[in-house]
Amino acid sequence: MIHRFKFALRGILIGFIEEVNLKLHYISTVLALGLGIYLGCSSVEISILGLTASLVLSMEYVNTSIERLSNRVSLERHPLIRDTKDLAAGAVLIASIGAAVVGALILGPKLWILLLNA
């Protein structure tokens, strides 16, 4: 059972080391959570920020997996492979937009008050 965690952790590490987009998502996650803590967000708000960020990260890992597998199957241009990659990228985009909206709704008002009082 523990070896399964080892494989999963290896996958997380591979993505973090080799994929620029995942690094950017991790940086965004740390910034959003850090800003939420700095602004005094409640534990529920921090949890929501964390959940939406983990959704984006998870979708990016799935997207990366699909891209790698598709490239292994064939490097030739094929409409089905193109569509598969585009669908996976679209899932990441949807999750990212959702996370941005959630972040704006939670952090926006607190940032606005901070800026007004500065």
Protein backbone atom coordinates (compact mmCIF):
# COMPACT_ATOMS: atom_id res chain seq x y z
CA MET A 1 0.00 0.00 0.00
CA ILE A 2 2.77 2.45 0.89
CA HIS A 3 4.46 1.92 -2.47
CA ARG A 4 1.37 3.42 -4.12
CA PHE A 5 1.98 6.65 -2.24
CA LYS A 6 5.58 6.50 -3.41
CA PHE A 7 4.41 6.34 -7.03
CA ALA A 8 1.97 9.20 -6.51
CA LEU A 9 4.61 11.35 -4.82
CA ARG A 10 6.99 10.55 -7.67
CA GLY A 11 4.34 11.79 -10.12
CA ILE A 12 3.87 15.01 -8.18
CA LEU A 13 7.62 15.57 -8.12
CA ILE A 14 8.03 14.85 -11.85
CA GLY A 15 5.31 17.35 -12.68
CA PHE A 16 6.77 19.99 -10.38
CA ILE A 17 10.31 19.59 -11.70
CA GLU A 18 9.55 19.21 -15.40
CA GLU A 19 6.44 21.28 -16.10
CA VAL A 20 6.55 25.07 -16.17
CA ASN A 21 2.77 25.40 -15.99
CA LEU A 22 2.66 23.35 -12.81
CA LYS A 23 5.33 25.54 -11.23
CA LEU A 24 3.24 28.60 -12.08
CA HIS A 25 0.14 27.01 -10.56
CA TYR A 26 2.08 26.14 -7.39
CA ILE A 27 3.36 29.72 -7.14
CA SER A 28 -0.19 31.04 -7.64
CA THR A 29 -1.45 28.68 -4.94
CA VAL A 30 1.16 29.80 -2.42
CA LEU A 31 0.49 33.47 -3.22
CA ALA A 32 -3.29 33.12 -2.93
CA LEU A 33 -3.13 31.19 0.33
CA GLY A 34 -0.46 33.50 1.73
CA LEU A 35 -2.49 36.56 0.79
CA GLY A 36 -5.58 35.01 2.32
CA ILE A 37 -3.76 34.40 5.59
CA TYR A 38 -2.24 37.89 5.52
CA LEU A 39 -5.66 39.47 4.93
CA GLY A 40 -7.19 37.54 7.80
CA CYS A 41 -9.46 35.25 5.83
CA SER A 42 -11.47 32.76 7.84
CA SER A 43 -10.57 29.09 7.89
CA VAL A 44 -13.54 28.42 5.59
CA GLU A 45 -12.31 31.02 3.09
CA ILE A 46 -8.76 29.61 3.20
CA SER A 47 -10.20 26.12 2.73
CA ILE A 48 -12.18 27.26 -0.31
CA LEU A 49 -9.08 28.93 -1.79
CA GLY A 50 -7.10 25.74 -1.13
CA LEU A 51 -9.73 23.50 -2.67
CA THR A 52 -10.02 25.57 -5.82
CA ALA A 53 -6.23 25.73 -6.12
CA SER A 54 -5.94 21.97 -5.66
CA LEU A 55 -8.57 21.50 -8.38
CA VAL A 56 -6.47 23.57 -10.80
CA LEU A 57 -3.30 21.68 -9.87
CA SER A 58 -5.07 18.34 -10.28
CA MET A 59 -6.44 19.31 -13.67
CA GLU A 60 -2.99 20.44 -14.79
CA TYR A 61 -1.54 17.06 -13.77
CA VAL A 62 -4.28 15.27 -15.73
CA ASN A 63 -3.65 17.55 -18.72
CA THR A 64 0.08 16.87 -18.55
CA SER A 65 -0.55 13.12 -18.36
CA ILE A 66 -2.82 13.23 -21.41
CA GLU A 67 -0.29 15.27 -23.36
CA ARG A 68 2.56 12.90 -22.51
CA LEU A 69 0.57 9.80 -23.33
CA SER A 70 -0.68 11.34 -26.57
CA ASN A 71 2.87 12.20 -27.58
CA ARG A 72 3.93 8.62 -26.84
CA VAL A 73 1.13 7.21 -28.97
CA SER A 74 1.98 9.40 -31.95
CA LEU A 75 3.88 12.57 -32.71
CA GLU A 76 2.05 12.86 -36.01
CA ARG A 77 -0.73 15.41 -36.23
CA HIS A 78 -4.05 13.72 -35.80
CA PRO A 79 -7.43 15.37 -35.20
CA LEU A 80 -8.39 13.04 -32.34
CA ILE A 81 -5.12 13.60 -30.48
CA ARG A 82 -5.42 17.36 -31.07
CA ASP A 83 -8.98 17.33 -29.76
CA THR A 84 -8.00 15.23 -26.74
CA LYS A 85 -5.21 17.64 -25.82
CA ASP A 86 -7.47 20.65 -26.37
CA LEU A 87 -10.22 19.15 -24.22
CA ALA A 88 -7.77 18.54 -21.38
CA ALA A 89 -6.38 22.06 -21.72
CA GLY A 90 -9.94 23.37 -21.69
CA ALA A 91 -10.57 21.58 -18.39
CA VAL A 92 -7.56 23.35 -16.89
CA LEU A 93 -8.80 26.67 -18.23
CA ILE A 94 -12.27 26.16 -16.74
CA ALA A 95 -10.79 25.25 -13.35
CA SER A 96 -8.43 28.24 -13.53
CA ILE A 97 -11.22 30.68 -14.35
CA GLY A 98 -13.29 29.26 -11.51
CA ALA A 99 -10.36 29.61 -9.11
CA ALA A 100 -9.77 33.19 -10.26
CA VAL A 101 -13.42 34.06 -9.67
CA VAL A 102 -13.39 32.45 -6.23
CA GLY A 103 -10.13 34.24 -5.41
CA ALA A 104 -11.55 37.57 -6.54
CA LEU A 105 -14.73 37.07 -4.51
CA ILE A 106 -12.85 36.10 -1.36
CA LEU A 107 -9.74 38.28 -1.60
CA GLY A 108 -11.08 41.21 -3.62
CA PRO A 109 -13.18 42.90 -0.94
CA LYS A 110 -10.43 42.50 1.66
CA LEU A 111 -7.84 43.92 -0.73
CA TRP A 112 -10.16 46.81 -1.57
CA ILE A 113 -10.57 47.70 2.12
CA LEU A 114 -6.80 47.44 2.61
CA LEU A 115 -6.16 49.76 -0.33
CA LEU A 116 -8.77 52.27 0.82
CA ASN A 117 -7.22 52.41 4.28
CA ALA A 118 -3.66 52.76 3.00
